[in-house]
Amino acid sequence: MTRMLMVSSMLAMVACAEPRRETAPDSSRAGTTPARTERIAGPMDLTERGIGPVRVGMTLAEVAGVTSAGIRLVDTDSTACSYLSWRDGPPGVLIMAEGGRVVRIDVRNPAIATPEGIKIGSTEAEVQQRYVGQVEVQPHKYTDGHYLVVTPRDPANSALRIVFETDGKKVETFRGGRVPQVQYVEGCS
């Protein structure tokens, strides 16, 4: 009886520890309803709250503490806004900081996705399908593309957003973070 209880407890712990699985449409069959394929959400997926160990609202000292090789300054301007990268983090991911705190994370790496499976190269239709009822489409300031602004469903995250920047068809870059910084078009400029 005790052995059975231990095995049951261990199985429950393993089940709870499994990564979250997301489904993504398989568009390989033209003219048919997309089949759903399984996607395992990864530890480096971008959410409105951050990526990997880096979270919106952290101080730069906290970021340096959770990134094993530390952070380095990439760019700064006179308004105390800075872009940083972490030395052991993925390339093409930049951390925006204002007032010494993380306010947004920009992704220019096609290998990074959101938990919903959206990444550079995803279509505007895929963004709309994965974030049903959460997307506000705004015209792009400089091109014929759009800003697809995703508002989280959780009221606790009401000051956060994910913004997908498109060419009118596909995602070219995206970012997550705090309003208003996540919606700055020119970044720190």
N, C-alpha and C. Protein backbone atom coordinates (compact mmCIF):
# COMPACT_ATOMS: atom_id res chain seq x y z
N MET A 1 0.82 -1.19 0.00
CA MET A 1 0.00 0.00 0.00
C MET A 1 0.87 1.26 0.00
N THR A 2 1.91 1.31 0.85
CA THR A 2 2.79 2.47 0.92
C THR A 2 3.56 2.63 -0.38
N ARG A 3 4.03 1.52 -0.95
CA ARG A 3 4.75 1.58 -2.21
C ARG A 3 3.84 2.12 -3.32
N MET A 4 2.58 1.71 -3.36
CA MET A 4 1.63 2.18 -4.36
C MET A 4 1.38 3.68 -4.20
N LEU A 5 1.29 4.15 -2.95
CA LEU A 5 1.10 5.57 -2.69
C LEU A 5 2.31 6.36 -3.18
N MET A 6 3.54 5.84 -2.95
CA MET A 6 4.74 6.52 -3.40
C MET A 6 4.79 6.60 -4.93
N VAL A 7 4.45 5.50 -5.61
CA VAL A 7 4.44 5.49 -7.07
C VAL A 7 3.42 6.48 -7.59
N SER A 8 2.22 6.50 -6.99
CA SER A 8 1.18 7.44 -7.41
C SER A 8 1.64 8.87 -7.21
N SER A 9 2.31 9.15 -6.09
CA SER A 9 2.81 10.50 -5.82
C SER A 9 3.86 10.91 -6.84
N MET A 10 4.77 9.95 -7.17
CA MET A 10 5.81 10.25 -8.14
C MET A 10 5.22 10.49 -9.52
N LEU A 11 4.23 9.72 -9.91
CA LEU A 11 3.59 9.93 -11.21
C LEU A 11 2.89 11.28 -11.26
N ALA A 12 2.26 11.68 -10.16
CA ALA A 12 1.60 12.98 -10.10
C ALA A 12 2.61 14.11 -10.24
N MET A 13 3.80 13.95 -9.58
CA MET A 13 4.83 14.98 -9.70
C MET A 13 5.35 15.08 -11.11
N VAL A 14 5.56 13.95 -11.78
CA VAL A 14 6.04 13.95 -13.16
C VAL A 14 5.02 14.61 -14.06
N ALA A 15 3.75 14.29 -13.87
CA ALA A 15 2.69 14.88 -14.70
C ALA A 15 2.63 16.38 -14.53
N CYS A 16 2.82 16.85 -13.30
CA CYS A 16 2.79 18.30 -13.05
C CYS A 16 4.01 18.99 -13.61
N ALA A 17 5.12 18.27 -13.74
CA ALA A 17 6.36 18.88 -14.21
C ALA A 17 6.48 18.91 -15.72
N GLU A 18 5.59 18.24 -16.44
CA GLU A 18 5.69 18.24 -17.90
C GLU A 18 5.48 19.64 -18.44
N PRO A 19 6.19 20.02 -19.53
CA PRO A 19 6.01 21.34 -20.12
C PRO A 19 4.60 21.51 -20.67
N ARG A 20 4.15 22.76 -20.69
CA ARG A 20 2.84 23.07 -21.24
C ARG A 20 2.83 22.79 -22.72
N ARG A 21 1.82 22.14 -23.22
CA ARG A 21 1.71 21.82 -24.63
C ARG A 21 0.70 22.76 -25.28
N GLU A 22 1.11 23.33 -26.38
CA GLU A 22 0.24 24.20 -27.16
C GLU A 22 -0.03 23.54 -28.49
N THR A 23 -1.13 23.88 -29.11
CA THR A 23 -1.40 23.34 -30.43
C THR A 23 -1.24 24.45 -31.45
N ALA A 24 -0.73 24.06 -32.60
CA ALA A 24 -0.51 25.02 -33.69
C ALA A 24 -1.06 24.40 -34.96
N PRO A 25 -1.67 25.22 -35.81
CA PRO A 25 -2.23 24.66 -37.02
C PRO A 25 -1.17 24.14 -37.97
N ASP A 26 -1.48 23.09 -38.68
CA ASP A 26 -0.61 22.54 -39.71
C ASP A 26 -1.19 23.00 -41.04
N SER A 27 -0.53 23.93 -41.71
CA SER A 27 -1.06 24.52 -42.93
C SER A 27 -0.53 23.82 -44.17
N SER A 28 0.01 22.61 -44.01
CA SER A 28 0.59 21.92 -45.16
C SER A 28 -0.45 21.35 -46.10
N ARG A 29 -1.71 21.25 -45.66
CA ARG A 29 -2.74 20.71 -46.53
C ARG A 29 -3.64 21.85 -47.02
N ALA A 30 -3.32 22.35 -48.19
CA ALA A 30 -4.06 23.49 -48.74
C ALA A 30 -5.51 23.11 -49.01
N GLY A 31 -6.42 24.04 -48.71
CA GLY A 31 -7.83 23.84 -49.00
C GLY A 31 -8.55 22.98 -47.98
N THR A 32 -7.88 22.61 -46.90
CA THR A 32 -8.54 21.82 -45.87
C THR A 32 -8.51 22.58 -44.56
N THR A 33 -9.31 22.15 -43.64
CA THR A 33 -9.27 22.75 -42.31
C THR A 33 -7.93 22.38 -41.68
N PRO A 34 -7.20 23.35 -41.14
CA PRO A 34 -5.88 23.05 -40.59
C PRO A 34 -5.98 22.01 -39.48
N ALA A 35 -5.10 21.01 -39.55
CA ALA A 35 -5.00 20.03 -38.47
C ALA A 35 -4.21 20.67 -37.34
N ARG A 36 -4.43 20.23 -36.13
CA ARG A 36 -3.71 20.76 -34.99
C ARG A 36 -2.50 19.87 -34.71
N THR A 37 -1.34 20.48 -34.57
CA THR A 37 -0.15 19.73 -34.19
C THR A 37 0.28 20.22 -32.82
N GLU A 38 0.93 19.39 -32.07
CA GLU A 38 1.30 19.73 -30.72
C GLU A 38 2.60 20.52 -30.69
N ARG A 39 2.65 21.54 -29.86
CA ARG A 39 3.86 22.34 -29.65
C ARG A 39 4.12 22.40 -28.16
N ILE A 40 5.35 22.18 -27.78
CA ILE A 40 5.72 22.28 -26.37
C ILE A 40 6.29 23.67 -26.14
N ALA A 41 5.64 24.42 -25.25
CA ALA A 41 6.10 25.76 -24.93
C ALA A 41 7.50 25.67 -24.31
N GLY A 42 8.39 26.55 -24.75
CA GLY A 42 9.77 26.49 -24.29
C GLY A 42 10.09 27.52 -23.24
N PRO A 43 11.20 27.32 -22.54
CA PRO A 43 11.60 28.25 -21.48
C PRO A 43 12.02 29.61 -22.02
N MET A 44 12.33 29.70 -23.32
CA MET A 44 12.73 30.99 -23.89
C MET A 44 11.63 31.58 -24.76
N ASP A 45 10.38 31.20 -24.54
CA ASP A 45 9.26 31.83 -25.24
C ASP A 45 9.07 33.24 -24.67
N LEU A 46 8.73 34.18 -25.55
CA LEU A 46 8.45 35.54 -25.11
C LEU A 46 6.99 35.64 -24.72
N THR A 47 6.73 36.20 -23.55
CA THR A 47 5.37 36.54 -23.12
C THR A 47 5.34 38.03 -22.84
N GLU A 48 4.17 38.54 -22.50
CA GLU A 48 4.08 39.95 -22.14
C GLU A 48 4.87 40.24 -20.86
N ARG A 49 5.18 39.21 -20.07
CA ARG A 49 5.89 39.37 -18.79
C ARG A 49 7.40 39.22 -18.91
N GLY A 50 7.90 38.68 -20.05
CA GLY A 50 9.33 38.55 -20.19
C GLY A 50 9.74 37.35 -21.01
N ILE A 51 11.01 36.98 -20.89
CA ILE A 51 11.57 35.84 -21.62
C ILE A 51 12.61 35.17 -20.74
N GLY A 52 12.58 33.85 -20.70
CA GLY A 52 13.54 33.12 -19.87
C GLY A 52 13.51 33.65 -18.46
N PRO A 53 14.68 33.92 -17.88
CA PRO A 53 14.73 34.42 -16.50
C PRO A 53 14.49 35.93 -16.38
N VAL A 54 14.40 36.63 -17.50
CA VAL A 54 14.28 38.09 -17.49
C VAL A 54 12.80 38.49 -17.49
N ARG A 55 12.40 39.26 -16.49
CA ARG A 55 11.01 39.67 -16.31
C ARG A 55 10.88 41.19 -16.33
N VAL A 56 9.78 41.65 -16.93
CA VAL A 56 9.45 43.08 -16.92
C VAL A 56 9.30 43.51 -15.46
N GLY A 57 9.92 44.64 -15.14
CA GLY A 57 9.87 45.18 -13.78
C GLY A 57 11.12 44.90 -12.97
N MET A 58 11.96 43.95 -13.42
CA MET A 58 13.21 43.66 -12.71
C MET A 58 14.14 44.86 -12.78
N THR A 59 14.95 45.01 -11.74
CA THR A 59 16.02 46.01 -11.80
C THR A 59 17.16 45.41 -12.63
N LEU A 60 18.06 46.26 -13.10
CA LEU A 60 19.19 45.76 -13.87
C LEU A 60 20.10 44.88 -13.02
N ALA A 61 20.19 45.15 -11.73
CA ALA A 61 20.96 44.29 -10.82
C ALA A 61 20.32 42.90 -10.74
N GLU A 62 18.98 42.85 -10.69
CA GLU A 62 18.29 41.57 -10.66
C GLU A 62 18.52 40.80 -11.96
N VAL A 63 18.47 41.51 -13.09
CA VAL A 63 18.72 40.86 -14.39
C VAL A 63 20.13 40.29 -14.41
N ALA A 64 21.11 41.07 -13.97
CA ALA A 64 22.50 40.59 -13.94
C ALA A 64 22.62 39.35 -13.05
N GLY A 65 21.84 39.29 -11.99
CA GLY A 65 21.89 38.15 -11.08
C GLY A 65 21.27 36.88 -11.65
N VAL A 66 20.28 37.00 -12.52
CA VAL A 66 19.62 35.80 -13.06
C VAL A 66 20.21 35.37 -14.41
N THR A 67 21.07 36.18 -14.99
CA THR A 67 21.73 35.82 -16.25
C THR A 67 23.17 35.48 -15.91
N SER A 68 23.54 34.24 -16.09
CA SER A 68 24.82 33.73 -15.58
C SER A 68 26.05 34.50 -16.07
N ALA A 69 26.03 35.01 -17.27
CA ALA A 69 27.20 35.73 -17.78
C ALA A 69 27.01 37.24 -17.72
N GLY A 70 25.92 37.71 -17.12
CA GLY A 70 25.70 39.13 -16.97
C GLY A 70 25.08 39.78 -18.19
N ILE A 71 24.95 41.11 -18.12
CA ILE A 71 24.34 41.89 -19.19
C ILE A 71 25.35 42.89 -19.72
N ARG A 72 25.10 43.36 -20.94
CA ARG A 72 25.97 44.39 -21.50
C ARG A 72 25.12 45.43 -22.20
N LEU A 73 25.57 46.66 -22.14
CA LEU A 73 24.88 47.78 -22.77
C LEU A 73 25.05 47.68 -24.28
N VAL A 74 23.96 47.83 -25.01
CA VAL A 74 24.00 47.82 -26.47
C VAL A 74 23.84 49.23 -27.00
N ASP A 75 22.91 49.99 -26.42
CA ASP A 75 22.62 51.34 -26.90
C ASP A 75 21.95 52.12 -25.78
N THR A 76 22.12 53.42 -25.77
CA THR A 76 21.48 54.27 -24.78
C THR A 76 21.19 55.63 -25.41
N ASP A 77 20.32 56.40 -24.77
CA ASP A 77 20.09 57.77 -25.23
C ASP A 77 19.94 58.69 -24.03
N SER A 78 19.65 59.94 -24.28
CA SER A 78 19.65 60.94 -23.22
C SER A 78 18.42 60.87 -22.31
N THR A 79 17.44 60.05 -22.63
CA THR A 79 16.23 59.99 -21.80
C THR A 79 16.32 58.87 -20.76
N ALA A 80 17.53 58.36 -20.52
CA ALA A 80 17.75 57.28 -19.55
C ALA A 80 17.12 55.97 -20.00
N CYS A 81 16.93 55.82 -21.29
CA CYS A 81 16.44 54.57 -21.87
C CYS A 81 17.65 53.85 -22.46
N SER A 82 17.73 52.54 -22.20
CA SER A 82 18.87 51.76 -22.68
C SER A 82 18.41 50.43 -23.24
N TYR A 83 19.18 49.92 -24.19
CA TYR A 83 19.01 48.55 -24.68
C TYR A 83 20.18 47.73 -24.20
N LEU A 84 19.88 46.54 -23.71
CA LEU A 84 20.91 45.64 -23.20
C LEU A 84 20.68 44.25 -23.77
N SER A 85 21.73 43.45 -23.74
CA SER A 85 21.59 42.03 -24.06
C SER A 85 22.24 41.27 -22.93
N TRP A 86 21.85 40.01 -22.77
CA TRP A 86 22.57 39.22 -21.78
C TRP A 86 23.48 38.27 -22.50
N ARG A 87 24.69 38.16 -21.98
CA ARG A 87 25.77 37.47 -22.68
C ARG A 87 25.48 36.01 -22.94
N ASP A 88 24.71 35.34 -22.08
CA ASP A 88 24.41 33.93 -22.29
C ASP A 88 23.01 33.72 -22.87
N GLY A 89 22.36 34.81 -23.26
CA GLY A 89 21.01 34.73 -23.81
C GLY A 89 21.04 34.51 -25.31
N PRO A 90 19.87 34.31 -25.90
CA PRO A 90 19.81 34.10 -27.33
C PRO A 90 20.15 35.37 -28.12
N PRO A 91 20.79 35.22 -29.28
CA PRO A 91 21.06 36.40 -30.12
C PRO A 91 19.74 36.97 -30.64
N GLY A 92 19.76 38.25 -30.94
CA GLY A 92 18.56 38.88 -31.52
C GLY A 92 17.47 39.15 -30.51
N VAL A 93 17.81 39.15 -29.23
CA VAL A 93 16.86 39.48 -28.16
C VAL A 93 17.46 40.62 -27.37
N LEU A 94 16.74 41.74 -27.30
CA LEU A 94 17.23 42.92 -26.59
C LEU A 94 16.29 43.29 -25.46
N ILE A 95 16.88 43.75 -24.38
CA ILE A 95 16.14 44.16 -23.19
C ILE A 95 16.13 45.68 -23.16
N MET A 96 14.93 46.29 -23.10
CA MET A 96 14.84 47.75 -22.97
C MET A 96 14.66 48.06 -21.49
N ALA A 97 15.44 49.01 -21.00
CA ALA A 97 15.34 49.44 -19.61
C ALA A 97 15.13 50.95 -19.56
N GLU A 98 14.27 51.37 -18.66
CA GLU A 98 14.08 52.79 -18.36
C GLU A 98 14.11 52.94 -16.85
N GLY A 99 14.80 53.95 -16.39
CA GLY A 99 14.88 54.18 -14.96
C GLY A 99 15.47 53.00 -14.20
N GLY A 100 16.34 52.24 -14.85
CA GLY A 100 17.00 51.13 -14.18
C GLY A 100 16.17 49.87 -14.06
N ARG A 101 15.03 49.80 -14.77
CA ARG A 101 14.15 48.61 -14.72
C ARG A 101 13.81 48.15 -16.13
N VAL A 102 13.61 46.83 -16.26
CA VAL A 102 13.20 46.25 -17.53
C VAL A 102 11.77 46.68 -17.83
N VAL A 103 11.55 47.23 -19.04
CA VAL A 103 10.20 47.66 -19.43
C VAL A 103 9.70 46.93 -20.67
N ARG A 104 10.64 46.34 -21.45
CA ARG A 104 10.22 45.66 -22.67
C ARG A 104 11.35 44.77 -23.16
N ILE A 105 10.96 43.74 -23.94
CA ILE A 105 11.93 42.83 -24.55
C ILE A 105 11.59 42.71 -26.02
N ASP A 106 12.58 42.99 -26.89
CA ASP A 106 12.40 42.95 -28.34
C ASP A 106 13.01 41.67 -28.90
N VAL A 107 12.32 41.06 -29.86
CA VAL A 107 12.79 39.82 -30.48
C VAL A 107 13.00 40.04 -31.97
N ARG A 108 14.22 39.74 -32.41
CA ARG A 108 14.57 39.78 -33.84
C ARG A 108 15.19 38.45 -34.26
N ASN A 109 14.93 37.42 -33.49
CA ASN A 109 15.48 36.08 -33.71
C ASN A 109 14.34 35.15 -34.16
N PRO A 110 14.40 34.61 -35.38
CA PRO A 110 13.31 33.76 -35.89
C PRO A 110 13.14 32.44 -35.14
N ALA A 111 14.08 32.09 -34.26
CA ALA A 111 13.95 30.86 -33.48
C ALA A 111 13.12 31.06 -32.21
N ILE A 112 12.91 32.31 -31.80
CA ILE A 112 12.15 32.61 -30.58
C ILE A 112 10.68 32.73 -30.95
N ALA A 113 9.80 32.17 -30.12
CA ALA A 113 8.36 32.21 -30.35
C ALA A 113 7.66 32.65 -29.07
N THR A 114 6.35 32.84 -29.18
CA THR A 114 5.51 33.02 -28.00
C THR A 114 5.01 31.63 -27.60
N PRO A 115 4.43 31.47 -26.41
CA PRO A 115 3.89 30.17 -26.04
C PRO A 115 2.82 29.67 -27.02
N GLU A 116 2.19 30.59 -27.74
CA GLU A 116 1.17 30.25 -28.72
C GLU A 116 1.77 29.84 -30.06
N GLY A 117 3.10 29.89 -30.17
CA GLY A 117 3.78 29.45 -31.40
C GLY A 117 3.98 30.53 -32.44
N ILE A 118 3.72 31.78 -32.13
CA ILE A 118 3.92 32.86 -33.09
C ILE A 118 5.37 33.31 -33.03
N LYS A 119 5.97 33.48 -34.21
CA LYS A 119 7.37 33.92 -34.32
C LYS A 119 7.54 34.70 -35.61
N ILE A 120 8.74 35.18 -35.85
CA ILE A 120 9.02 35.89 -37.09
C ILE A 120 8.70 34.95 -38.25
N GLY A 121 7.94 35.45 -39.22
CA GLY A 121 7.51 34.64 -40.35
C GLY A 121 6.08 34.14 -40.22
N SER A 122 5.51 34.17 -39.01
CA SER A 122 4.10 33.79 -38.84
C SER A 122 3.23 34.80 -39.57
N THR A 123 2.06 34.39 -40.02
CA THR A 123 1.18 35.29 -40.74
C THR A 123 0.30 36.09 -39.77
N GLU A 124 -0.24 37.19 -40.28
CA GLU A 124 -1.18 37.98 -39.49
C GLU A 124 -2.39 37.12 -39.12
N ALA A 125 -2.84 36.26 -40.03
CA ALA A 125 -3.98 35.38 -39.76
C ALA A 125 -3.68 34.43 -38.61
N GLU A 126 -2.45 33.92 -38.55
CA GLU A 126 -2.07 33.03 -37.45
C GLU A 126 -2.11 33.77 -36.11
N VAL A 127 -1.66 35.01 -36.09
CA VAL A 127 -1.71 35.81 -34.86
C VAL A 127 -3.17 35.94 -34.42
N GLN A 128 -4.05 36.29 -35.36
CA GLN A 128 -5.47 36.45 -35.04
C GLN A 128 -6.08 35.14 -34.53
N GLN A 129 -5.68 34.00 -35.12
CA GLN A 129 -6.22 32.70 -34.71
C GLN A 129 -5.74 32.30 -33.33
N ARG A 130 -4.50 32.59 -33.01
CA ARG A 130 -3.94 32.15 -31.73
C ARG A 130 -4.33 33.07 -30.57
N TYR A 131 -4.65 34.32 -30.89
CA TYR A 131 -5.03 35.30 -29.86
C TYR A 131 -6.44 35.83 -30.15
N VAL A 132 -7.37 34.94 -30.33
CA VAL A 132 -8.74 35.30 -30.69
C VAL A 132 -9.32 36.31 -29.68
N GLY A 133 -9.83 37.42 -30.21
CA GLY A 133 -10.46 38.43 -29.38
C GLY A 133 -9.50 39.30 -28.59
N GLN A 134 -8.20 39.15 -28.78
CA GLN A 134 -7.23 39.91 -28.00
C GLN A 134 -6.41 40.88 -28.86
N VAL A 135 -6.59 40.85 -30.19
CA VAL A 135 -5.71 41.59 -31.10
C VAL A 135 -6.36 42.88 -31.58
N GLU A 136 -5.63 43.97 -31.41
CA GLU A 136 -6.02 45.25 -31.99
C GLU A 136 -5.05 45.53 -33.14
N VAL A 137 -5.57 45.73 -34.34
CA VAL A 137 -4.74 45.98 -35.52
C VAL A 137 -4.57 47.50 -35.67
N GLN A 138 -3.32 47.94 -35.72
CA GLN A 138 -3.01 49.35 -35.90
C GLN A 138 -2.14 49.51 -37.13
N PRO A 139 -2.29 50.62 -37.88
CA PRO A 139 -1.44 50.83 -39.05
C PRO A 139 0.01 51.05 -38.64
N HIS A 140 0.92 50.53 -39.46
CA HIS A 140 2.35 50.73 -39.21
C HIS A 140 2.70 52.17 -39.53
N LYS A 141 3.58 52.76 -38.75
CA LYS A 141 3.95 54.16 -38.92
C LYS A 141 4.75 54.42 -40.19
N TYR A 142 5.54 53.44 -40.65
CA TYR A 142 6.45 53.68 -41.76
C TYR A 142 6.22 52.83 -43.00
N THR A 143 5.44 51.75 -42.89
CA THR A 143 5.27 50.84 -44.03
C THR A 143 3.78 50.55 -44.25
N ASP A 144 3.49 49.66 -45.16
CA ASP A 144 2.11 49.22 -45.38
C ASP A 144 1.71 48.12 -44.40
N GLY A 145 2.57 47.83 -43.46
CA GLY A 145 2.31 46.77 -42.49
C GLY A 145 1.42 47.22 -41.34
N HIS A 146 1.44 46.41 -40.28
CA HIS A 146 0.59 46.66 -39.11
C HIS A 146 1.36 46.41 -37.82
N TYR A 147 0.78 46.94 -36.76
CA TYR A 147 1.15 46.55 -35.41
C TYR A 147 -0.05 45.75 -34.91
N LEU A 148 0.18 44.49 -34.56
CA LEU A 148 -0.86 43.65 -33.99
C LEU A 148 -0.62 43.65 -32.48
N VAL A 149 -1.46 44.38 -31.76
CA VAL A 149 -1.27 44.58 -30.33
C VAL A 149 -2.15 43.60 -29.56
N VAL A 150 -1.52 42.72 -28.81
CA VAL A 150 -2.23 41.68 -28.06
C VAL A 150 -2.35 42.11 -26.60
N THR A 151 -3.60 42.18 -26.13
CA THR A 151 -3.88 42.49 -24.73
C THR A 151 -4.13 41.18 -23.99
N PRO A 152 -3.41 40.94 -22.90
CA PRO A 152 -3.61 39.71 -22.13
C PRO A 152 -5.02 39.61 -21.57
N ARG A 153 -5.50 38.39 -21.42
CA ARG A 153 -6.83 38.16 -20.84
C ARG A 153 -6.83 38.37 -19.32
N ASP A 154 -5.71 38.09 -18.68
CA ASP A 154 -5.61 38.18 -17.23
C ASP A 154 -5.58 39.65 -16.80
N PRO A 155 -6.57 40.10 -16.01
CA PRO A 155 -6.60 41.50 -15.56
C PRO A 155 -5.34 41.91 -14.79
N ALA A 156 -4.65 40.95 -14.17
CA ALA A 156 -3.42 41.27 -13.45
C ALA A 156 -2.32 41.75 -14.41
N ASN A 157 -2.45 41.44 -15.69
CA ASN A 157 -1.46 41.84 -16.70
C ASN A 157 -1.97 42.97 -17.60
N SER A 158 -2.93 43.74 -17.11
CA SER A 158 -3.57 44.76 -17.95
C SER A 158 -2.63 45.88 -18.39
N ALA A 159 -1.50 46.05 -17.74
CA ALA A 159 -0.53 47.09 -18.13
C ALA A 159 0.54 46.54 -19.05
N LEU A 160 0.36 45.30 -19.54
CA LEU A 160 1.34 44.65 -20.39
C LEU A 160 0.72 44.33 -21.75
N ARG A 161 1.60 44.17 -22.78
CA ARG A 161 1.15 43.82 -24.12
C ARG A 161 2.24 43.03 -24.84
N ILE A 162 1.82 42.35 -25.91
CA ILE A 162 2.75 41.83 -26.92
C ILE A 162 2.41 42.57 -28.20
N VAL A 163 3.42 43.05 -28.90
CA VAL A 163 3.20 43.77 -30.16
C VAL A 163 3.96 43.03 -31.26
N PHE A 164 3.20 42.60 -32.29
CA PHE A 164 3.79 41.97 -33.47
C PHE A 164 3.84 43.02 -34.56
N GLU A 165 5.02 43.26 -35.11
CA GLU A 165 5.18 44.23 -36.19
C GLU A 165 5.23 43.44 -37.49
N THR A 166 4.34 43.79 -38.46
CA THR A 166 4.26 43.02 -39.70
C THR A 166 4.52 43.88 -40.92
N ASP A 167 4.70 43.19 -42.05
CA ASP A 167 4.83 43.87 -43.34
C ASP A 167 3.47 43.92 -44.05
N GLY A 168 2.42 43.60 -43.34
CA GLY A 168 1.07 43.54 -43.91
C GLY A 168 0.62 42.10 -44.11
N LYS A 169 1.58 41.17 -44.06
CA LYS A 169 1.27 39.75 -44.24
C LYS A 169 1.90 38.90 -43.14
N LYS A 170 3.20 39.13 -42.88
CA LYS A 170 3.93 38.28 -41.95
C LYS A 170 4.61 39.09 -40.86
N VAL A 171 4.84 38.44 -39.73
CA VAL A 171 5.53 39.06 -38.59
C VAL A 171 6.99 39.25 -38.95
N GLU A 172 7.49 40.48 -38.74
CA GLU A 172 8.89 40.80 -39.00
C GLU A 172 9.71 40.90 -37.72
N THR A 173 9.07 41.32 -36.65
CA THR A 173 9.69 41.43 -35.32
C THR A 173 8.56 41.49 -34.30
N PHE A 174 8.87 41.24 -33.05
CA PHE A 174 7.84 41.38 -32.02
C PHE A 174 8.49 41.69 -30.68
N ARG A 175 7.64 42.12 -29.74
CA ARG A 175 8.14 42.55 -28.44
C ARG A 175 7.04 42.37 -27.39
N GLY A 176 7.47 42.27 -26.16
CA GLY A 176 6.53 42.18 -25.05
C GLY A 176 6.99 43.10 -23.95
N GLY A 177 6.04 43.62 -23.19
CA GLY A 177 6.42 44.49 -22.08
C GLY A 177 5.31 45.39 -21.61
N ARG A 178 5.74 46.43 -20.92
CA ARG A 178 4.85 47.36 -20.24
C ARG A 178 4.39 48.48 -21.17
N VAL A 179 3.13 48.89 -21.00
CA VAL A 179 2.58 50.06 -21.70
C VAL A 179 3.07 51.29 -20.93
N PRO A 180 3.58 52.33 -21.55
CA PRO A 180 3.55 52.63 -22.97
C PRO A 180 4.79 52.17 -23.73
N GLN A 181 5.85 51.75 -23.02
CA GLN A 181 7.14 51.46 -23.67
C GLN A 181 7.03 50.39 -24.75
N VAL A 182 6.21 49.38 -24.55
CA VAL A 182 6.10 48.29 -25.54
C VAL A 182 5.53 48.81 -26.87
N GLN A 183 4.88 49.97 -26.83
CA GLN A 183 4.31 50.52 -28.05
C GLN A 183 5.14 51.65 -28.64
N TYR A 184 6.30 51.94 -28.05
CA TYR A 184 7.19 52.93 -28.66
C TYR A 184 7.62 52.41 -30.01
N VAL A 185 7.42 53.18 -31.06
CA VAL A 185 7.75 52.75 -32.42
C VAL A 185 9.26 52.76 -32.66
N GLU A 186 9.95 53.77 -32.19
CA GLU A 186 11.38 53.90 -32.44
C GLU A 186 12.23 53.34 -31.31
N GLY A 187 11.69 52.55 -30.44
CA GLY A 187 12.46 52.03 -29.32
C GLY A 187 12.81 53.13 -28.36
N CYS A 188 14.08 53.29 -28.03
CA CYS A 188 14.52 54.32 -27.09
C CYS A 188 14.53 55.73 -27.70
N SER A 189 14.49 55.84 -29.00
CA SER A 189 14.63 57.15 -29.67
C SER A 189 13.47 58.07 -29.38
